[in-house]
């Protein structure tokens, strides 16, 4: 089994957040790998990873980082593969990481999800992979249908809730 997606984090302390991405890939049966790489502590390894990812069959990279959050941008600068940044809430409620990831210079795009939103990063990666793989696209469509079903069920349950002035 060869990975299609790389989950990269600046530190293993990011794993509790990034587990949601890993669980999502398991749910969709998409092979992935996980690495800890630091833009500041292991810059050569980050560059080597980014430059070799495409030749290893990686199609999407999810890069998580907190604070200065340079990891997603550094990876994006060295690879043609789409990079999805996950800002980690480490300091300043994660806003520092969000700004660092989302404000990339022209020519170095990084798709950015919300703070600690690893599941959304994985779902975006699933959608990207689904463009070229109808089986993945079909699984994603079924996933979205389940989301709709949950809201329909929630409204059915809310209809049974009684309050004196509730009108529905």
C-alpha atoms as a PDB file:
ATOM      1  CA  UNK A   1       0.000   0.000   0.000  1.00  0.00           C
ATOM      2  CA  UNK A   2       1.513   3.304  -1.122  1.00  0.00           C
ATOM      3  CA  UNK A   3       0.472   6.586   0.499  1.00  0.00           C
ATOM      4  CA  UNK A   4      -1.495   9.138  -1.514  1.00  0.00           C
ATOM      5  CA  UNK A   5      -1.471  11.793   1.213  1.00  0.00           C
ATOM      6  CA  UNK A   6       1.183  13.012   3.633  1.00  0.00           C
ATOM      7  CA  UNK A   7       0.248  14.430   6.997  1.00  0.00           C
ATOM      8  CA  UNK A   8       3.137  16.555   8.200  1.00  0.00           C
ATOM      9  CA  UNK A   9       3.305  18.290  11.553  1.00  0.00           C
ATOM     10  CA  UNK A  10       5.901  20.515  13.119  1.00  0.00           C
ATOM     11  CA  UNK A  11       5.904  18.487  16.318  1.00  0.00           C
ATOM     12  CA  UNK A  12       4.312  15.340  17.693  1.00  0.00           C
ATOM     13  CA  UNK A  13       2.473  17.632  20.118  1.00  0.00           C
ATOM     14  CA  UNK A  14       0.219  18.371  17.108  1.00  0.00           C
ATOM     15  CA  UNK A  15      -0.888  14.726  16.894  1.00  0.00           C
ATOM     16  CA  UNK A  16      -4.025  15.079  19.053  1.00  0.00           C
ATOM     17  CA  UNK A  17      -5.355  17.547  16.469  1.00  0.00           C
ATOM     18  CA  UNK A  18      -4.070  15.685  13.413  1.00  0.00           C
ATOM     19  CA  UNK A  19      -5.560  12.349  14.532  1.00  0.00           C
ATOM     20  CA  UNK A  20      -8.845  13.615  13.085  1.00  0.00           C
ATOM     21  CA  UNK A  21      -7.271  13.772   9.634  1.00  0.00           C
ATOM     22  CA  UNK A  22      -5.826  10.281  10.028  1.00  0.00           C
ATOM     23  CA  UNK A  23      -9.207   8.902  11.141  1.00  0.00           C
ATOM     24  CA  UNK A  24     -10.866  10.539   8.134  1.00  0.00           C
ATOM     25  CA  UNK A  25      -8.431   8.879   5.730  1.00  0.00           C
ATOM     26  CA  UNK A  26      -9.075   5.551   7.427  1.00  0.00           C
ATOM     27  CA  UNK A  27     -12.825   6.111   6.980  1.00  0.00           C
ATOM     28  CA  UNK A  28     -12.336   6.790   3.263  1.00  0.00           C
ATOM     29  CA  UNK A  29      -9.759   3.963   2.931  1.00  0.00           C
ATOM     30  CA  UNK A  30      -7.102   6.318   1.574  1.00  0.00           C
ATOM     31  CA  UNK A  31      -3.489   5.341   2.311  1.00  0.00           C
ATOM     32  CA  UNK A  32      -1.519   8.065   4.070  1.00  0.00           C
ATOM     33  CA  UNK A  33       1.704   8.662   5.942  1.00  0.00           C
ATOM     34  CA  UNK A  34       2.501  10.817   8.970  1.00  0.00           C
ATOM     35  CA  UNK A  35       5.785  12.601   9.665  1.00  0.00           C
ATOM     36  CA  UNK A  36       7.073  15.196  12.102  1.00  0.00           C
ATOM     37  CA  UNK A  37       9.208  17.778  10.308  1.00  0.00           C
ATOM     38  CA  UNK A  38      10.124  21.267  11.423  1.00  0.00           C
ATOM     39  CA  UNK A  39      10.649  24.216   9.109  1.00  0.00           C
ATOM     40  CA  UNK A  40      12.978  25.682  11.729  1.00  0.00           C
ATOM     41  CA  UNK A  41      14.672  22.664  13.327  1.00  0.00           C
ATOM     42  CA  UNK A  42      14.980  20.347  10.298  1.00  0.00           C
ATOM     43  CA  UNK A  43      14.803  22.654   7.257  1.00  0.00           C
ATOM     44  CA  UNK A  44      16.915  20.370   5.058  1.00  0.00           C
ATOM     45  CA  UNK A  45      14.632  17.397   5.770  1.00  0.00           C
ATOM     46  CA  UNK A  46      11.553  19.499   4.999  1.00  0.00           C
ATOM     47  CA  UNK A  47      12.986  20.555   1.646  1.00  0.00           C
ATOM     48  CA  UNK A  48      14.057  16.991   0.825  1.00  0.00           C
ATOM     49  CA  UNK A  49      10.586  15.690   1.722  1.00  0.00           C
ATOM     50  CA  UNK A  50       8.819  18.342  -0.364  1.00  0.00           C
ATOM     51  CA  UNK A  51      11.039  17.894  -3.418  1.00  0.00           C
ATOM     52  CA  UNK A  52      10.612  14.094  -3.401  1.00  0.00           C
ATOM     53  CA  UNK A  53       6.932  13.801  -2.472  1.00  0.00           C
ATOM     54  CA  UNK A  54       5.575  13.793  -6.039  1.00  0.00           C
ATOM     55  CA  UNK A  55       8.017  11.132  -7.209  1.00  0.00           C
ATOM     56  CA  UNK A  56       6.858   8.944  -4.317  1.00  0.00           C
ATOM     57  CA  UNK A  57       3.234   9.161  -5.490  1.00  0.00           C
ATOM     58  CA  UNK A  58       1.985  11.679  -2.938  1.00  0.00           C
ATOM     59  CA  UNK A  59      -0.973  13.637  -4.366  1.00  0.00           C
ATOM     60  CA  UNK A  60      -1.822  16.000  -1.481  1.00  0.00           C
ATOM     61  CA  UNK A  61       0.105  17.224   1.561  1.00  0.00           C
ATOM     62  CA  UNK A  62      -1.521  18.369   4.783  1.00  0.00           C
ATOM     63  CA  UNK A  63       0.894  20.423   6.862  1.00  0.00           C
ATOM     64  CA  UNK A  64       0.046  21.442  10.421  1.00  0.00           C
ATOM     65  CA  UNK A  65       1.932  24.068  12.380  1.00  0.00           C
ATOM     66  CA  UNK A  66       1.448  26.414  15.278  1.00  0.00           C
ATOM     67  CA  UNK A  67       2.906  29.777  16.229  1.00  0.00           C
ATOM     68  CA  UNK A  68       5.061  31.100  13.343  1.00  0.00           C
ATOM     69  CA  UNK A  69       3.618  28.241  11.249  1.00  0.00           C
ATOM     70  CA  UNK A  70       6.108  28.308   8.405  1.00  0.00           C
ATOM     71  CA  UNK A  71       5.929  24.580   7.642  1.00  0.00           C
ATOM     72  CA  UNK A  72       3.050  24.611   5.113  1.00  0.00           C
ATOM     73  CA  UNK A  73       4.568  27.498   3.147  1.00  0.00           C
ATOM     74  CA  UNK A  74       8.068  26.060   3.143  1.00  0.00           C
ATOM     75  CA  UNK A  75       6.687  22.773   1.819  1.00  0.00           C
ATOM     76  CA  UNK A  76       4.559  24.569  -0.793  1.00  0.00           C
ATOM     77  CA  UNK A  77       7.624  26.482  -1.993  1.00  0.00           C
ATOM     78  CA  UNK A  78       9.399  23.226  -2.876  1.00  0.00           C
ATOM     79  CA  UNK A  79       6.660  21.047  -4.397  1.00  0.00           C
ATOM     80  CA  UNK A  80       4.045  21.210  -7.166  1.00  0.00           C
ATOM     81  CA  UNK A  81       1.669  19.127  -5.002  1.00  0.00           C
ATOM     82  CA  UNK A  82      -1.330  20.880  -3.404  1.00  0.00           C
ATOM     83  CA  UNK A  83      -0.629  21.782   0.233  1.00  0.00           C
ATOM     84  CA  UNK A  84      -3.358  22.217   2.813  1.00  0.00           C
ATOM     85  CA  UNK A  85      -2.346  24.104   5.939  1.00  0.00           C
ATOM     86  CA  UNK A  86      -3.803  23.407   9.370  1.00  0.00           C
ATOM     87  CA  UNK A  87      -3.125  26.195  11.854  1.00  0.00           C
ATOM     88  CA  UNK A  88      -2.595  24.722  15.316  1.00  0.00           C
ATOM     89  CA  UNK A  89      -3.815  26.525  18.427  1.00  0.00           C
ATOM     90  CA  UNK A  90      -0.537  26.831  20.315  1.00  0.00           C
ATOM     91  CA  UNK A  91      -0.366  30.532  21.218  1.00  0.00           C
ATOM     92  CA  UNK A  92      -2.615  33.546  20.624  1.00  0.00           C
ATOM     93  CA  UNK A  93      -5.565  31.136  20.247  1.00  0.00           C
ATOM     94  CA  UNK A  94      -4.016  29.944  16.962  1.00  0.00           C
ATOM     95  CA  UNK A  95      -4.608  33.243  15.167  1.00  0.00           C
ATOM     96  CA  UNK A  96      -0.858  33.728  14.726  1.00  0.00           C
ATOM     97  CA  UNK A  97      -0.623  30.362  12.961  1.00  0.00           C
ATOM     98  CA  UNK A  98      -3.718  31.085  10.866  1.00  0.00           C
ATOM     99  CA  UNK A  99      -2.285  34.376   9.610  1.00  0.00           C
ATOM    100  CA  UNK A 100       1.115  32.812   8.958  1.00  0.00           C
ATOM    101  CA  UNK A 101      -0.391  30.048   6.829  1.00  0.00           C
ATOM    102  CA  UNK A 102      -3.087  31.957   4.990  1.00  0.00           C
ATOM    103  CA  UNK A 103      -0.958  34.975   4.011  1.00  0.00           C
ATOM    104  CA  UNK A 104       1.307  33.354   1.440  1.00  0.00           C
ATOM    105  CA  UNK A 105       3.047  35.371  -1.275  1.00  0.00           C
ATOM    106  CA  UNK A 106       1.806  35.199  -4.859  1.00  0.00           C
ATOM    107  CA  UNK A 107       2.822  31.976  -6.575  1.00  0.00           C
ATOM    108  CA  UNK A 108       3.041  29.884  -3.388  1.00  0.00           C
ATOM    109  CA  UNK A 109      -0.560  28.949  -2.569  1.00  0.00           C
ATOM    110  CA  UNK A 110      -1.477  27.038   0.563  1.00  0.00           C
ATOM    111  CA  UNK A 111      -5.128  26.090   1.010  1.00  0.00           C
ATOM    112  CA  UNK A 112      -5.880  26.889   4.631  1.00  0.00           C
ATOM    113  CA  UNK A 113      -8.572  25.467   6.887  1.00  0.00           C
ATOM    114  CA  UNK A 114      -9.690  26.729  10.261  1.00  0.00           C
ATOM    115  CA  UNK A 115      -7.685  26.558  13.460  1.00  0.00           C
ATOM    116  CA  UNK A 116      -7.287  22.896  14.529  1.00  0.00           C
ATOM    117  CA  UNK A 117      -9.562  21.862  11.628  1.00  0.00           C
ATOM    118  CA  UNK A 118      -7.671  18.703  10.667  1.00  0.00           C
ATOM    119  CA  UNK A 119     -10.842  16.877   9.664  1.00  0.00           C
ATOM    120  CA  UNK A 120     -11.718  19.594   7.148  1.00  0.00           C
ATOM    121  CA  UNK A 121      -8.176  19.431   5.783  1.00  0.00           C
ATOM    122  CA  UNK A 122      -8.584  15.696   5.247  1.00  0.00           C
ATOM    123  CA  UNK A 123     -11.985  16.165   3.629  1.00  0.00           C
ATOM    124  CA  UNK A 124     -10.527  18.765   1.257  1.00  0.00           C
ATOM    125  CA  UNK A 125      -7.772  16.285   0.390  1.00  0.00           C
ATOM    126  CA  UNK A 126     -10.436  13.634  -0.261  1.00  0.00           C
ATOM    127  CA  UNK A 127     -12.208  16.034  -2.620  1.00  0.00           C
ATOM    128  CA  UNK A 128      -8.941  16.778  -4.439  1.00  0.00           C
ATOM    129  CA  UNK A 129      -8.228  13.074  -4.843  1.00  0.00           C
ATOM    130  CA  UNK A 130     -11.816  12.511  -5.974  1.00  0.00           C
ATOM    131  CA  UNK A 131     -11.262  14.682  -9.043  1.00  0.00           C
ATOM    132  CA  UNK A 132      -9.178  11.873 -10.580  1.00  0.00           C
ATOM    133  CA  UNK A 133     -10.723   8.878  -8.768  1.00  0.00           C
ATOM    134  CA  UNK A 134     -14.461   8.257  -9.129  1.00  0.00           C
ATOM    135  CA  UNK A 135     -14.498   5.696  -6.301  1.00  0.00           C
ATOM    136  CA  UNK A 136     -13.223   8.347  -3.885  1.00  0.00           C
ATOM    137  CA  UNK A 137     -15.635  10.914  -5.338  1.00  0.00           C
ATOM    138  CA  UNK A 138     -18.534   8.496  -4.800  1.00  0.00           C
ATOM    139  CA  UNK A 139     -17.490   7.867  -1.186  1.00  0.00           C
ATOM    140  CA  UNK A 140     -17.333  11.606  -0.614  1.00  0.00           C
ATOM    141  CA  UNK A 141     -20.804  12.098  -2.106  1.00  0.00           C
ATOM    142  CA  UNK A 142     -22.144   9.404   0.252  1.00  0.00           C
ATOM    143  CA  UNK A 143     -20.412  11.131   3.181  1.00  0.00           C
ATOM    144  CA  UNK A 144     -22.071  14.442   2.283  1.00  0.00           C
ATOM    145  CA  UNK A 145     -25.461  12.715   2.030  1.00  0.00           C
ATOM    146  CA  UNK A 146     -24.992  11.364   5.570  1.00  0.00           C
ATOM    147  CA  UNK A 147     -24.339  14.910   6.794  1.00  0.00           C
ATOM    148  CA  UNK A 148     -27.656  15.984   5.319  1.00  0.00           C
ATOM    149  CA  UNK A 149     -29.411  12.999   6.898  1.00  0.00           C
ATOM    150  CA  UNK A 150     -28.070  14.025  10.333  1.00  0.00           C
ATOM    151  CA  UNK A 151     -29.657  17.474  10.038  1.00  0.00           C
ATOM    152  CA  UNK A 152     -32.968  16.035   8.842  1.00  0.00           C
ATOM    153  CA  UNK A 153     -32.981  13.693  11.850  1.00  0.00           C
ATOM    154  CA  UNK A 154     -32.021  16.542  14.194  1.00  0.00           C
ATOM    155  CA  UNK A 155     -34.989  18.585  12.970  1.00  0.00           C
ATOM    156  CA  UNK A 156     -37.317  15.613  13.473  1.00  0.00           C
ATOM    157  CA  UNK A 157     -36.063  15.349  17.054  1.00  0.00           C
ATOM    158  CA  UNK A 158     -36.409  19.095  17.595  1.00  0.00           C
ATOM    159  CA  UNK A 159     -40.038  18.892  16.424  1.00  0.00           C
ATOM    160  CA  UNK A 160     -40.810  16.782  19.490  1.00  0.00           C
ATOM    161  CA  UNK A 161     -39.326  19.327  21.903  1.00  0.00           C
ATOM    162  CA  UNK A 162     -42.107  21.231  23.625  1.00  0.00           C
ATOM    163  CA  UNK A 163     -42.021  24.802  24.917  1.00  0.00           C
ATOM    164  CA  UNK A 164     -44.976  27.021  25.732  1.00  0.00           C
ATOM    165  CA  UNK A 165     -44.150  29.562  23.021  1.00  0.00           C
ATOM    166  CA  UNK A 166     -42.449  27.283  20.465  1.00  0.00           C
ATOM    167  CA  UNK A 167     -44.318  27.521  17.159  1.00  0.00           C
ATOM    168  CA  UNK A 168     -42.934  24.572  15.213  1.00  0.00           C
END
